[in-house]
Amino acid sequence: MYTIYHNPRCRKSREALTYLEESGVNYDIVLYLKDPLSKAALKEILKKTGLAASQLVRKNEAEWKSQPNRDEMSEDEIIEVWIRHPKTLERPIVTTAQSGVLARPLENLITFLNAN
């Protein structure tokens, strides 16, 4: 079972969702802008993807650019920004019970699905 952290307004996120559908895998959709993620859920995403919090930040979002000391933030501080401004979390992210991937570009998702 896969989980996609999805923003329907994002073209890359829609592409990943379409790929999951066409692949015939079972998946759940988490609309994280509608139902913001908890700190524990965000830490779990980081653990599963193996990425640093700074690698999953949408750095061109106004909410991110307005953060003082954004280039020096700790992982916990970045997570707090995501909780307040979920739009600053990069997307799409696809996870399983054990692992995850930033499915951008789509090739990342293809490789991930082939490995699982």
N, C-alpha and C. Protein backbone atom coordinates (compact mmCIF):
# COMPACT_ATOMS: atom_id res chain seq x y z
N MET A 1 0.84 -1.17 0.00
CA MET A 1 0.00 0.00 0.00
C MET A 1 0.89 1.24 0.00
N TYR A 2 0.54 2.17 -0.86
CA TYR A 2 1.27 3.42 -0.98
C TYR A 2 0.41 4.56 -0.45
N THR A 3 1.06 5.62 -0.04
CA THR A 3 0.38 6.85 0.35
C THR A 3 1.00 7.98 -0.45
N ILE A 4 0.14 8.80 -1.06
CA ILE A 4 0.63 9.98 -1.77
C ILE A 4 0.15 11.21 -1.02
N TYR A 5 1.10 12.07 -0.71
CA TYR A 5 0.81 13.37 -0.09
C TYR A 5 0.63 14.32 -1.26
N HIS A 6 -0.61 14.71 -1.48
CA HIS A 6 -1.05 15.26 -2.76
C HIS A 6 -1.64 16.65 -2.62
N ASN A 7 -1.33 17.48 -3.62
CA ASN A 7 -1.96 18.78 -3.80
C ASN A 7 -2.58 18.77 -5.19
N PRO A 8 -3.92 18.70 -5.28
CA PRO A 8 -4.58 18.61 -6.58
C PRO A 8 -4.28 19.78 -7.52
N ARG A 9 -3.85 20.90 -6.99
CA ARG A 9 -3.56 22.07 -7.84
C ARG A 9 -2.17 22.02 -8.45
N CYS A 10 -1.35 21.06 -8.03
CA CYS A 10 0.03 20.96 -8.49
C CYS A 10 0.12 19.97 -9.66
N ARG A 11 0.66 20.41 -10.77
CA ARG A 11 0.79 19.56 -11.95
C ARG A 11 1.64 18.33 -11.68
N LYS A 12 2.76 18.49 -11.01
CA LYS A 12 3.64 17.36 -10.70
C LYS A 12 2.93 16.35 -9.78
N SER A 13 2.16 16.84 -8.86
CA SER A 13 1.42 15.97 -7.96
C SER A 13 0.33 15.21 -8.74
N ARG A 14 -0.35 15.89 -9.63
CA ARG A 14 -1.36 15.22 -10.46
C ARG A 14 -0.72 14.17 -11.35
N GLU A 15 0.47 14.45 -11.89
CA GLU A 15 1.18 13.47 -12.72
C GLU A 15 1.52 12.22 -11.92
N ALA A 16 1.98 12.41 -10.69
CA ALA A 16 2.33 11.26 -9.84
C ALA A 16 1.08 10.44 -9.52
N LEU A 17 -0.01 11.11 -9.22
CA LEU A 17 -1.25 10.41 -8.92
C LEU A 17 -1.72 9.60 -10.13
N THR A 18 -1.65 10.20 -11.30
CA THR A 18 -2.03 9.50 -12.54
C THR A 18 -1.15 8.28 -12.74
N TYR A 19 0.14 8.42 -12.48
CA TYR A 19 1.06 7.29 -12.65
C TYR A 19 0.70 6.17 -11.68
N LEU A 20 0.39 6.51 -10.44
CA LEU A 20 -0.02 5.48 -9.48
C LEU A 20 -1.27 4.76 -9.96
N GLU A 21 -2.25 5.54 -10.46
CA GLU A 21 -3.49 4.95 -10.97
C GLU A 21 -3.19 4.00 -12.13
N GLU A 22 -2.37 4.44 -13.07
CA GLU A 22 -2.06 3.63 -14.24
C GLU A 22 -1.22 2.40 -13.90
N SER A 23 -0.48 2.47 -12.78
CA SER A 23 0.35 1.35 -12.36
C SER A 23 -0.46 0.25 -11.69
N GLY A 24 -1.68 0.57 -11.31
CA GLY A 24 -2.55 -0.42 -10.70
C GLY A 24 -2.21 -0.77 -9.26
N VAL A 25 -1.44 0.07 -8.59
CA VAL A 25 -1.10 -0.18 -7.20
C VAL A 25 -2.19 0.39 -6.28
N ASN A 26 -2.26 -0.15 -5.08
CA ASN A 26 -3.19 0.37 -4.08
C ASN A 26 -2.55 1.57 -3.39
N TYR A 27 -3.33 2.61 -3.21
CA TYR A 27 -2.78 3.81 -2.57
C TYR A 27 -3.88 4.58 -1.85
N ASP A 28 -3.45 5.36 -0.90
CA ASP A 28 -4.29 6.32 -0.21
C ASP A 28 -3.81 7.70 -0.59
N ILE A 29 -4.71 8.64 -0.57
CA ILE A 29 -4.38 10.04 -0.85
C ILE A 29 -4.50 10.84 0.44
N VAL A 30 -3.47 11.60 0.75
CA VAL A 30 -3.51 12.53 1.88
C VAL A 30 -3.47 13.93 1.28
N LEU A 31 -4.55 14.67 1.48
CA LEU A 31 -4.62 16.06 1.01
C LEU A 31 -4.09 16.94 2.15
N TYR A 32 -2.78 17.06 2.20
CA TYR A 32 -2.12 17.67 3.36
C TYR A 32 -2.39 19.17 3.49
N LEU A 33 -2.86 19.83 2.43
CA LEU A 33 -3.21 21.24 2.57
C LEU A 33 -4.56 21.38 3.27
N LYS A 34 -5.43 20.41 3.05
CA LYS A 34 -6.75 20.42 3.69
C LYS A 34 -6.67 19.92 5.12
N ASP A 35 -5.89 18.87 5.33
CA ASP A 35 -5.71 18.27 6.65
C ASP A 35 -4.23 18.28 6.99
N PRO A 36 -3.73 19.38 7.55
CA PRO A 36 -2.29 19.51 7.81
C PRO A 36 -1.73 18.35 8.63
N LEU A 37 -0.50 18.01 8.33
CA LEU A 37 0.18 16.89 8.96
C LEU A 37 0.70 17.27 10.34
N SER A 38 0.75 16.30 11.22
CA SER A 38 1.30 16.51 12.56
C SER A 38 2.83 16.50 12.50
N LYS A 39 3.42 16.94 13.58
CA LYS A 39 4.88 16.93 13.67
C LYS A 39 5.40 15.50 13.55
N ALA A 40 4.71 14.55 14.20
CA ALA A 40 5.13 13.14 14.13
C ALA A 40 5.03 12.61 12.71
N ALA A 41 3.97 12.96 12.01
CA ALA A 41 3.81 12.49 10.62
C ALA A 41 4.89 13.07 9.72
N LEU A 42 5.22 14.33 9.91
CA LEU A 42 6.27 14.96 9.11
C LEU A 42 7.64 14.34 9.40
N LYS A 43 7.90 14.04 10.67
CA LYS A 43 9.17 13.38 11.01
C LYS A 43 9.23 11.99 10.39
N GLU A 44 8.11 11.30 10.35
CA GLU A 44 8.07 9.97 9.75
C GLU A 44 8.33 10.05 8.25
N ILE A 45 7.79 11.06 7.58
CA ILE A 45 8.06 11.25 6.15
C ILE A 45 9.56 11.47 5.93
N LEU A 46 10.17 12.29 6.76
CA LEU A 46 11.61 12.53 6.63
C LEU A 46 12.39 11.23 6.82
N LYS A 47 12.00 10.46 7.82
CA LYS A 47 12.69 9.19 8.09
C LYS A 47 12.55 8.25 6.90
N LYS A 48 11.33 8.13 6.36
CA LYS A 48 11.08 7.20 5.26
C LYS A 48 11.80 7.61 3.98
N THR A 49 11.85 8.90 3.69
CA THR A 49 12.50 9.36 2.47
C THR A 49 14.01 9.42 2.61
N GLY A 50 14.48 9.54 3.84
CA GLY A 50 15.92 9.69 4.05
C GLY A 50 16.43 11.07 3.66
N LEU A 51 15.52 12.00 3.49
CA LEU A 51 15.90 13.36 3.09
C LEU A 51 15.94 14.28 4.30
N ALA A 52 16.78 15.29 4.22
CA ALA A 52 16.81 16.32 5.25
C ALA A 52 15.61 17.23 5.04
N ALA A 53 15.14 17.82 6.11
CA ALA A 53 14.00 18.73 6.01
C ALA A 53 14.25 19.83 4.97
N SER A 54 15.47 20.32 4.92
CA SER A 54 15.79 21.39 3.96
C SER A 54 15.62 20.96 2.51
N GLN A 55 15.65 19.64 2.26
CA GLN A 55 15.49 19.13 0.89
C GLN A 55 14.02 19.02 0.49
N LEU A 56 13.11 19.17 1.44
CA LEU A 56 11.69 19.07 1.14
C LEU A 56 10.96 20.40 1.31
N VAL A 57 11.70 21.48 1.25
CA VAL A 57 11.11 22.81 1.38
C VAL A 57 10.91 23.42 -0.01
N ARG A 58 9.73 23.97 -0.22
CA ARG A 58 9.45 24.72 -1.46
C ARG A 58 10.00 26.14 -1.23
N LYS A 59 11.22 26.33 -1.65
CA LYS A 59 11.96 27.55 -1.31
C LYS A 59 11.45 28.80 -2.01
N ASN A 60 10.63 28.67 -3.05
CA ASN A 60 10.10 29.85 -3.74
C ASN A 60 8.76 30.31 -3.21
N GLU A 61 8.21 29.62 -2.24
CA GLU A 61 6.94 30.04 -1.64
C GLU A 61 7.15 31.28 -0.78
N ALA A 62 6.22 32.20 -0.88
CA ALA A 62 6.32 33.45 -0.11
C ALA A 62 6.39 33.17 1.39
N GLU A 63 5.66 32.17 1.85
CA GLU A 63 5.66 31.84 3.27
C GLU A 63 7.04 31.37 3.74
N TRP A 64 7.78 30.73 2.85
CA TRP A 64 9.14 30.32 3.20
C TRP A 64 10.08 31.51 3.15
N LYS A 65 9.96 32.29 2.09
CA LYS A 65 10.85 33.44 1.93
C LYS A 65 10.71 34.45 3.07
N SER A 66 9.54 34.47 3.70
CA SER A 66 9.31 35.42 4.79
C SER A 66 9.87 34.96 6.13
N GLN A 67 10.42 33.75 6.17
CA GLN A 67 10.96 33.21 7.42
C GLN A 67 12.34 33.81 7.73
N PRO A 68 12.48 34.44 8.89
CA PRO A 68 13.81 34.93 9.25
C PRO A 68 14.74 33.76 9.51
N ASN A 69 15.98 33.91 9.16
CA ASN A 69 17.00 32.88 9.37
C ASN A 69 16.65 31.54 8.73
N ARG A 70 15.92 31.57 7.61
CA ARG A 70 15.47 30.32 6.98
C ARG A 70 16.62 29.43 6.54
N ASP A 71 17.75 30.01 6.23
CA ASP A 71 18.89 29.20 5.79
C ASP A 71 19.65 28.56 6.95
N GLU A 72 19.28 28.90 8.17
CA GLU A 72 19.96 28.37 9.35
C GLU A 72 19.02 27.56 10.25
N MET A 73 17.82 27.25 9.76
CA MET A 73 16.83 26.57 10.59
C MET A 73 17.19 25.11 10.83
N SER A 74 16.84 24.66 12.03
CA SER A 74 16.99 23.24 12.37
C SER A 74 15.84 22.46 11.73
N GLU A 75 15.96 21.14 11.75
CA GLU A 75 14.89 20.31 11.22
C GLU A 75 13.57 20.59 11.94
N ASP A 76 13.60 20.69 13.25
CA ASP A 76 12.38 20.96 14.02
C ASP A 76 11.78 22.32 13.66
N GLU A 77 12.62 23.31 13.43
CA GLU A 77 12.11 24.63 13.05
C GLU A 77 11.44 24.57 11.67
N ILE A 78 12.03 23.82 10.75
CA ILE A 78 11.42 23.68 9.42
C ILE A 78 10.09 22.96 9.54
N ILE A 79 10.04 21.92 10.35
CA ILE A 79 8.78 21.20 10.56
C ILE A 79 7.72 22.13 11.12
N GLU A 80 8.08 23.00 12.01
CA GLU A 80 7.12 23.97 12.56
C GLU A 80 6.59 24.90 11.45
N VAL A 81 7.46 25.28 10.53
CA VAL A 81 7.01 26.09 9.39
C VAL A 81 6.00 25.29 8.56
N TRP A 82 6.30 24.01 8.31
CA TRP A 82 5.37 23.18 7.54
C TRP A 82 4.01 23.08 8.22
N ILE A 83 4.02 23.00 9.54
CA ILE A 83 2.76 22.90 10.29
C ILE A 83 1.96 24.19 10.13
N ARG A 84 2.63 25.32 10.20
CA ARG A 84 1.94 26.61 10.04
C ARG A 84 1.61 26.92 8.59
N HIS A 85 2.47 26.47 7.67
CA HIS A 85 2.34 26.77 6.24
C HIS A 85 2.57 25.50 5.42
N PRO A 86 1.58 24.61 5.37
CA PRO A 86 1.79 23.32 4.69
C PRO A 86 2.16 23.46 3.21
N LYS A 87 1.85 24.58 2.63
CA LYS A 87 2.19 24.81 1.22
C LYS A 87 3.70 24.80 0.99
N THR A 88 4.48 24.99 2.05
CA THR A 88 5.93 25.03 1.90
C THR A 88 6.57 23.64 1.86
N LEU A 89 5.76 22.59 2.03
CA LEU A 89 6.27 21.22 1.92
C LEU A 89 6.30 20.82 0.45
N GLU A 90 7.45 20.35 0.00
CA GLU A 90 7.59 19.92 -1.40
C GLU A 90 6.66 18.76 -1.67
N ARG A 91 6.24 18.65 -2.92
CA ARG A 91 5.30 17.61 -3.33
C ARG A 91 5.60 17.16 -4.73
N PRO A 92 5.08 16.00 -5.05
CA PRO A 92 4.38 15.02 -4.23
C PRO A 92 5.38 14.12 -3.52
N ILE A 93 4.93 13.58 -2.42
CA ILE A 93 5.71 12.58 -1.68
C ILE A 93 4.90 11.30 -1.68
N VAL A 94 5.55 10.19 -1.95
CA VAL A 94 4.89 8.88 -1.93
C VAL A 94 5.65 8.00 -0.94
N THR A 95 4.88 7.33 -0.06
CA THR A 95 5.50 6.48 0.95
C THR A 95 4.85 5.09 0.97
N THR A 96 5.59 4.17 1.56
CA THR A 96 5.08 2.85 1.94
C THR A 96 5.24 2.78 3.46
N ALA A 97 4.99 1.62 4.03
CA ALA A 97 5.18 1.47 5.47
C ALA A 97 6.64 1.63 5.87
N GLN A 98 7.57 1.32 4.94
CA GLN A 98 8.99 1.35 5.29
C GLN A 98 9.80 2.47 4.65
N SER A 99 9.37 2.99 3.51
CA SER A 99 10.22 3.94 2.79
C SER A 99 9.37 4.98 2.08
N GLY A 100 10.06 5.91 1.42
CA GLY A 100 9.35 6.97 0.71
C GLY A 100 10.25 7.65 -0.28
N VAL A 101 9.61 8.51 -1.10
CA VAL A 101 10.34 9.22 -2.14
C VAL A 101 9.66 10.55 -2.44
N LEU A 102 10.48 11.53 -2.75
CA LEU A 102 9.97 12.76 -3.34
C LEU A 102 9.75 12.42 -4.81
N ALA A 103 8.51 12.36 -5.23
CA ALA A 103 8.16 11.88 -6.57
C ALA A 103 8.23 12.99 -7.60
N ARG A 104 9.27 13.74 -7.53
CA ARG A 104 9.51 14.86 -8.40
C ARG A 104 10.99 14.87 -8.71
N PRO A 105 11.41 14.58 -9.90
CA PRO A 105 10.63 14.31 -11.11
C PRO A 105 9.97 12.93 -11.05
N LEU A 106 9.07 12.69 -11.99
CA LEU A 106 8.31 11.46 -12.04
C LEU A 106 9.20 10.23 -12.07
N GLU A 107 10.38 10.35 -12.65
CA GLU A 107 11.31 9.23 -12.71
C GLU A 107 11.64 8.69 -11.31
N ASN A 108 11.66 9.58 -10.31
CA ASN A 108 11.89 9.15 -8.93
C ASN A 108 10.80 8.16 -8.49
N LEU A 109 9.56 8.47 -8.84
CA LEU A 109 8.45 7.59 -8.49
C LEU A 109 8.53 6.27 -9.23
N ILE A 110 8.87 6.33 -10.49
CA ILE A 110 9.00 5.11 -11.30
C ILE A 110 10.05 4.17 -10.69
N THR A 111 11.20 4.72 -10.34
CA THR A 111 12.26 3.93 -9.74
C THR A 111 11.81 3.37 -8.39
N PHE A 112 11.13 4.18 -7.61
CA PHE A 112 10.63 3.76 -6.30
C PHE A 112 9.65 2.60 -6.43
N LEU A 113 8.69 2.72 -7.34
CA LEU A 113 7.70 1.65 -7.52
C LEU A 113 8.37 0.36 -7.99
N ASN A 114 9.34 0.48 -8.88
CA ASN A 114 10.04 -0.70 -9.37
C ASN A 114 10.84 -1.40 -8.28
N ALA A 115 11.30 -0.65 -7.29
CA ALA A 115 12.10 -1.21 -6.21
C ALA A 115 11.23 -1.81 -5.10
N ASN A 116 9.96 -1.48 -5.10
CA ASN A 116 9.07 -1.97 -4.02
C ASN A 116 8.18 -3.02 -4.55
